PDB file of N, CA and C in Angstrom:
ATOM      1  N   MET A   1     172.086 254.479  30.855  1.00  0.00           N
ATOM      2  CA  MET A   1     171.877 253.645  29.694  1.00  0.00           C
ATOM      3  C   MET A   1     173.169 253.566  28.900  1.00  0.00           C
ATOM      4  N   LEU A   2     173.324 252.499  28.221  1.00  0.00           N
ATOM      5  CA  LEU A   2     174.545 252.269  27.463  1.00  0.00           C
ATOM      6  C   LEU A   2     174.657 253.188  26.255  1.00  0.00           C
ATOM      7  N   ASN A   3     173.552 253.395  25.542  1.00  0.00           N
ATOM      8  CA  ASN A   3     173.610 254.193  24.315  1.00  0.00           C
ATOM      9  C   ASN A   3     172.891 255.535  24.442  1.00  0.00           C
ATOM     10  N   GLY A   4     172.762 256.054  25.601  1.00  0.00           N
ATOM     11  CA  GLY A   4     172.113 257.343  25.768  1.00  0.00           C
ATOM     12  C   GLY A   4     170.859 257.240  26.617  1.00  0.00           C
ATOM     13  N   SER A   5     170.054 258.296  26.569  1.00  0.00           N
ATOM     14  CA  SER A   5     168.845 258.331  27.387  1.00  0.00           C
ATOM     15  C   SER A   5     167.721 257.540  26.718  1.00  0.00           C
ATOM     16  N   ILE A   6     166.741 257.185  27.513  1.00  0.00           N
ATOM     17  CA  ILE A   6     165.608 256.417  26.992  1.00  0.00           C
ATOM     18  C   ILE A   6     164.728 257.317  26.117  1.00  0.00           C
ATOM     19  N   PRO A   7     164.033 256.749  25.124  1.00  0.00           N
ATOM     20  CA  PRO A   7     163.280 257.571  24.174  1.00  0.00           C
ATOM     21  C   PRO A   7     161.877 257.960  24.645  1.00  0.00           C
ATOM     22  N   PHE A   8     161.579 257.836  25.939  1.00  0.00           N
ATOM     23  CA  PHE A   8     160.272 258.222  26.466  1.00  0.00           C
ATOM     24  C   PHE A   8     160.456 258.820  27.853  1.00  0.00           C
ATOM     25  N   SER A   9     159.448 259.571  28.277  1.00  0.00           N
ATOM     26  CA  SER A   9     159.554 260.250  29.570  1.00  0.00           C
ATOM     27  C   SER A   9     159.148 259.296  30.701  1.00  0.00           C
ATOM     28  N   LYS A  10     159.432 259.703  31.916  1.00  0.00           N
ATOM     29  CA  LYS A  10     159.039 258.910  33.083  1.00  0.00           C
ATOM     30  C   LYS A  10     157.520 258.842  33.215  1.00  0.00           C
ATOM     31  N   THR A  11     156.841 259.903  32.817  1.00  0.00           N
ATOM     32  CA  THR A  11     155.377 259.912  32.852  1.00  0.00           C
ATOM     33  C   THR A  11     154.814 258.885  31.876  1.00  0.00           C
ATOM     34  N   ASP A  12     155.362 258.821  30.665  1.00  0.00           N
ATOM     35  CA  ASP A  12     154.930 257.824  29.694  1.00  0.00           C
ATOM     36  C   ASP A  12     155.150 256.412  30.239  1.00  0.00           C
ATOM     37  N   PHE A  13     156.283 256.188  30.897  1.00  0.00           N
ATOM     38  CA  PHE A  13     156.586 254.887  31.468  1.00  0.00           C
ATOM     39  C   PHE A  13     155.579 254.515  32.542  1.00  0.00           C
ATOM     40  N   VAL A  14     155.254 255.431  33.438  1.00  0.00           N
ATOM     41  CA  VAL A  14     154.308 255.152  34.522  1.00  0.00           C
ATOM     42  C   VAL A  14     152.918 254.868  33.965  1.00  0.00           C
ATOM     43  N   VAL A  15     152.483 255.622  32.976  1.00  0.00           N
ATOM     44  CA  VAL A  15     151.164 255.399  32.368  1.00  0.00           C
ATOM     45  C   VAL A  15     151.116 254.025  31.703  1.00  0.00           C
ATOM     46  N   ALA A  16     152.150 253.660  30.944  1.00  0.00           N
ATOM     47  CA  ALA A  16     152.185 252.353  30.280  1.00  0.00           C
ATOM     48  C   ALA A  16     152.236 251.227  31.296  1.00  0.00           C
ATOM     49  N   TRP A  17     152.992 251.412  32.374  1.00  0.00           N
ATOM     50  CA  TRP A  17     153.088 250.386  33.419  1.00  0.00           C
ATOM     51  C   TRP A  17     151.745 250.197  34.121  1.00  0.00           C
ATOM     52  N   MET A  18     151.060 251.280  34.438  1.00  0.00           N
ATOM     53  CA  MET A  18     149.749 251.182  35.084  1.00  0.00           C
ATOM     54  C   MET A  18     148.734 250.494  34.164  1.00  0.00           C
ATOM     55  N   LEU A  19     148.765 250.805  32.878  1.00  0.00           N
ATOM     56  CA  LEU A  19     147.872 250.156  31.915  1.00  0.00           C
ATOM     57  C   LEU A  19     148.135 248.653  31.867  1.00  0.00           C
ATOM     58  N   ARG A  20     149.414 248.280  31.860  1.00  0.00           N
ATOM     59  CA  ARG A  20     149.763 246.861  31.845  1.00  0.00           C
ATOM     60  C   ARG A  20     149.289 246.155  33.104  1.00  0.00           C
ATOM     61  N   GLU A  21     149.448 246.776  34.246  1.00  0.00           N
ATOM     62  CA  GLU A  21     149.015 246.179  35.506  1.00  0.00           C
ATOM     63  C   GLU A  21     147.496 246.021  35.558  1.00  0.00           C
ATOM     64  N   CYS A  22     146.766 247.003  35.064  1.00  0.00           N
ATOM     65  CA  CYS A  22     145.297 246.910  35.046  1.00  0.00           C
ATOM     66  C   CYS A  22     144.838 245.808  34.105  1.00  0.00           C
ATOM     67  N   CYS A  23     145.477 245.690  32.948  1.00  0.00           N
ATOM     68  CA  CYS A  23     145.111 244.634  32.003  1.00  0.00           C
ATOM     69  C   CYS A  23     145.425 243.259  32.579  1.00  0.00           C
ATOM     70  N   ALA A  24     146.526 243.126  33.292  1.00  0.00           N
ATOM     71  CA  ALA A  24     146.882 241.841  33.896  1.00  0.00           C
ATOM     72  C   ALA A  24     145.843 241.439  34.942  1.00  0.00           C
ATOM     73  N   LEU A  25     145.354 242.383  35.724  1.00  0.00           N
ATOM     74  CA  LEU A  25     144.331 242.092  36.725  1.00  0.00           C
ATOM     75  C   LEU A  25     143.032 241.649  36.062  1.00  0.00           C
ATOM     76  N   ILE A  26     142.651 242.318  34.984  1.00  0.00           N
ATOM     77  CA  ILE A  26     141.432 241.946  34.255  1.00  0.00           C
ATOM     78  C   ILE A  26     141.571 240.539  33.676  1.00  0.00           C
ATOM     79  N   LEU A  27     142.722 240.221  33.087  1.00  0.00           N
ATOM     80  CA  LEU A  27     142.935 238.886  32.528  1.00  0.00           C
ATOM     81  C   LEU A  27     142.921 237.816  33.616  1.00  0.00           C
ATOM     82  N   PHE A  28     143.489 238.106  34.769  1.00  0.00           N
ATOM     83  CA  PHE A  28     143.499 237.159  35.883  1.00  0.00           C
ATOM     84  C   PHE A  28     142.080 236.874  36.368  1.00  0.00           C
ATOM     85  N   ILE A  29     141.280 237.916  36.534  1.00  0.00           N
ATOM     86  CA  ILE A  29     139.896 237.740  36.997  1.00  0.00           C
ATOM     87  C   ILE A  29     139.089 236.983  35.946  1.00  0.00           C
ATOM     88  N   ARG A  30     139.299 237.281  34.673  1.00  0.00           N
ATOM     89  CA  ARG A  30     138.580 236.563  33.616  1.00  0.00           C
ATOM     90  C   ARG A  30     138.960 235.084  33.596  1.00  0.00           C
ATOM     91  N   ALA A  31     140.227 234.766  33.839  1.00  0.00           N
ATOM     92  CA  ALA A  31     140.664 233.375  33.884  1.00  0.00           C
ATOM     93  C   ALA A  31     140.028 232.632  35.051  1.00  0.00           C
ATOM     94  N   LEU A  32     139.801 233.311  36.159  1.00  0.00           N
ATOM     95  CA  LEU A  32     139.110 232.683  37.285  1.00  0.00           C
ATOM     96  C   LEU A  32     137.633 232.494  36.987  1.00  0.00           C
ATOM     97  N   TRP A  33     137.028 233.447  36.291  1.00  0.00           N
ATOM     98  CA  TRP A  33     135.595 233.416  35.988  1.00  0.00           C
ATOM     99  C   TRP A  33     135.278 232.388  34.900  1.00  0.00           C
ATOM    100  N   GLU A  34     136.102 232.354  33.849  1.00  0.00           N
ATOM    101  CA  GLU A  34     135.914 231.434  32.719  1.00  0.00           C
ATOM    102  C   GLU A  34     137.175 230.593  32.552  1.00  0.00           C
ATOM    103  N   PRO A  35     137.279 229.460  33.245  1.00  0.00           N
ATOM    104  CA  PRO A  35     138.520 228.687  33.188  1.00  0.00           C
ATOM    105  C   PRO A  35     138.668 227.815  31.940  1.00  0.00           C
ATOM    106  N   ASP A  36     137.701 227.832  31.027  1.00  0.00           N
ATOM    107  CA  ASP A  36     137.790 227.008  29.820  1.00  0.00           C
ATOM    108  C   ASP A  36     138.666 227.679  28.774  1.00  0.00           C
ATOM    109  N   ILE A  37     139.543 226.874  28.166  1.00  0.00           N
ATOM    110  CA  ILE A  37     140.455 227.350  27.129  1.00  0.00           C
ATOM    111  C   ILE A  37     140.168 226.557  25.868  1.00  0.00           C
ATOM    112  N   LYS A  38     139.868 227.225  24.774  1.00  0.00           N
ATOM    113  CA  LYS A  38     139.656 226.568  23.481  1.00  0.00           C
ATOM    114  C   LYS A  38     140.925 226.738  22.676  1.00  0.00           C
ATOM    115  N   TRP A  39     141.557 225.603  22.357  1.00  0.00           N
ATOM    116  CA  TRP A  39     142.826 225.631  21.646  1.00  0.00           C
ATOM    117  C   TRP A  39     142.841 224.514  20.622  1.00  0.00           C
ATOM    118  N   ARG A  40     143.113 224.850  19.380  1.00  0.00           N
ATOM    119  CA  ARG A  40     143.084 223.928  18.246  1.00  0.00           C
ATOM    120  C   ARG A  40     141.736 223.232  18.202  1.00  0.00           C
ATOM    121  N   THR A  41     141.701 221.913  18.360  1.00  0.00           N
ATOM    122  CA  THR A  41     140.432 221.189  18.259  1.00  0.00           C
ATOM    123  C   THR A  41     139.895 220.766  19.615  1.00  0.00           C
ATOM    124  N   GLY A  42     140.550 221.137  20.689  1.00  0.00           N
ATOM    125  CA  GLY A  42     140.132 220.693  22.012  1.00  0.00           C
ATOM    126  C   GLY A  42     139.735 221.833  22.921  1.00  0.00           C
ATOM    127  N   THR A  43     139.087 221.460  24.013  1.00  0.00           N
ATOM    128  CA  THR A  43     138.728 222.405  25.066  1.00  0.00           C
ATOM    129  C   THR A  43     139.373 221.921  26.356  1.00  0.00           C
ATOM    130  N   PHE A  44     140.003 222.833  27.046  1.00  0.00           N
ATOM    131  CA  PHE A  44     140.722 222.504  28.266  1.00  0.00           C
ATOM    132  C   PHE A  44     140.193 223.373  29.399  1.00  0.00           C
ATOM    133  N   LYS A  45     140.342 222.882  30.629  1.00  0.00           N
ATOM    134  CA  LYS A  45     139.933 223.648  31.800  1.00  0.00           C
ATOM    135  C   LYS A  45     141.178 223.953  32.616  1.00  0.00           C
ATOM    136  N   LEU A  46     141.325 225.197  32.992  1.00  0.00           N
ATOM    137  CA  LEU A  46     142.475 225.621  33.772  1.00  0.00           C
ATOM    138  C   LEU A  46     142.217 225.325  35.233  1.00  0.00           C
ATOM    139  N   MET A  47     143.098 224.548  35.829  1.00  0.00           N
ATOM    140  CA  MET A  47     142.975 224.160  37.232  1.00  0.00           C
ATOM    141  C   MET A  47     143.914 225.035  38.073  1.00  0.00           C
ATOM    142  N   TRP A  48     143.809 224.919  39.392  1.00  0.00           N
ATOM    143  CA  TRP A  48     144.690 225.666  40.281  1.00  0.00           C
ATOM    144  C   TRP A  48     146.124 225.203  40.072  1.00  0.00           C
ATOM    145  N   GLY A  49     147.047 226.106  40.117  1.00  0.00           N
ATOM    146  CA  GLY A  49     148.451 225.800  39.905  1.00  0.00           C
ATOM    147  C   GLY A  49     148.873 225.920  38.456  1.00  0.00           C
ATOM    148  N   GLY A  50     147.951 226.341  37.586  1.00  0.00           N
ATOM    149  CA  GLY A  50     148.288 226.544  36.190  1.00  0.00           C
ATOM    150  C   GLY A  50     148.259 225.286  35.346  1.00  0.00           C
ATOM    151  N   VAL A  51     147.694 224.200  35.867  1.00  0.00           N
ATOM    152  CA  VAL A  51     147.613 222.950  35.126  1.00  0.00           C
ATOM    153  C   VAL A  51     146.318 222.926  34.315  1.00  0.00           C
ATOM    154  N   ALA A  52     146.407 222.529  33.053  1.00  0.00           N
ATOM    155  CA  ALA A  52     145.234 222.450  32.186  1.00  0.00           C
ATOM    156  C   ALA A  52     144.872 220.991  31.955  1.00  0.00           C
ATOM    157  N   GLN A  53     143.581 220.672  32.070  1.00  0.00           N
ATOM    158  CA  GLN A  53     143.092 219.319  31.809  1.00  0.00           C
ATOM    159  C   GLN A  53     142.090 219.382  30.676  1.00  0.00           C
ATOM    160  N   GLU A  54     142.122 218.368  29.817  1.00  0.00           N
ATOM    161  CA  GLU A  54     141.207 218.334  28.683  1.00  0.00           C
ATOM    162  C   GLU A  54     139.793 218.027  29.165  1.00  0.00           C
ATOM    163  N   VAL A  55     138.834 218.766  28.618  1.00  0.00           N
ATOM    164  CA  VAL A  55     137.425 218.562  28.954  1.00  0.00           C
ATOM    165  C   VAL A  55     136.844 217.639  27.898  1.00  0.00           C
ATOM    166  N   LYS A  56     136.258 216.560  28.346  1.00  0.00           N
ATOM    167  CA  LYS A  56     135.640 215.619  27.419  1.00  0.00           C
ATOM    168  C   LYS A  56     134.256 216.160  27.044  1.00  0.00           C
ATOM    169  N   THR A  57     134.016 216.273  25.751  1.00  0.00           N
ATOM    170  CA  THR A  57     132.723 216.775  25.269  1.00  0.00           C
ATOM    171  C   THR A  57     131.777 215.617  25.043  1.00  0.00           C
ATOM    172  N   LYS A  58     130.499 215.849  25.328  1.00  0.00           N
ATOM    173  CA  LYS A  58     129.481 214.829  25.118  1.00  0.00           C
ATOM    174  C   LYS A  58     128.991 214.913  23.679  1.00  0.00           C
ATOM    175  N   LEU A  59     129.004 213.798  22.975  1.00  0.00           N
ATOM    176  CA  LEU A  59     128.534 213.767  21.579  1.00  0.00           C
ATOM    177  C   LEU A  59     127.197 213.126  21.479  1.00  0.00           C
TER     178      LEU A  59
END
């Protein structure tokens, strides 16, 4: 490191990395299960490839 050693142990790093990886997997599965995104005043559906399309609501 440029300014000395890192302020956490290797064990802390591995635990934080594993937590991040588990959370990413949960978010990915949830995005597949519930592809609807509510943002501002609209609702969008997440399609394959990361493209979002607006969902037209019935009034």
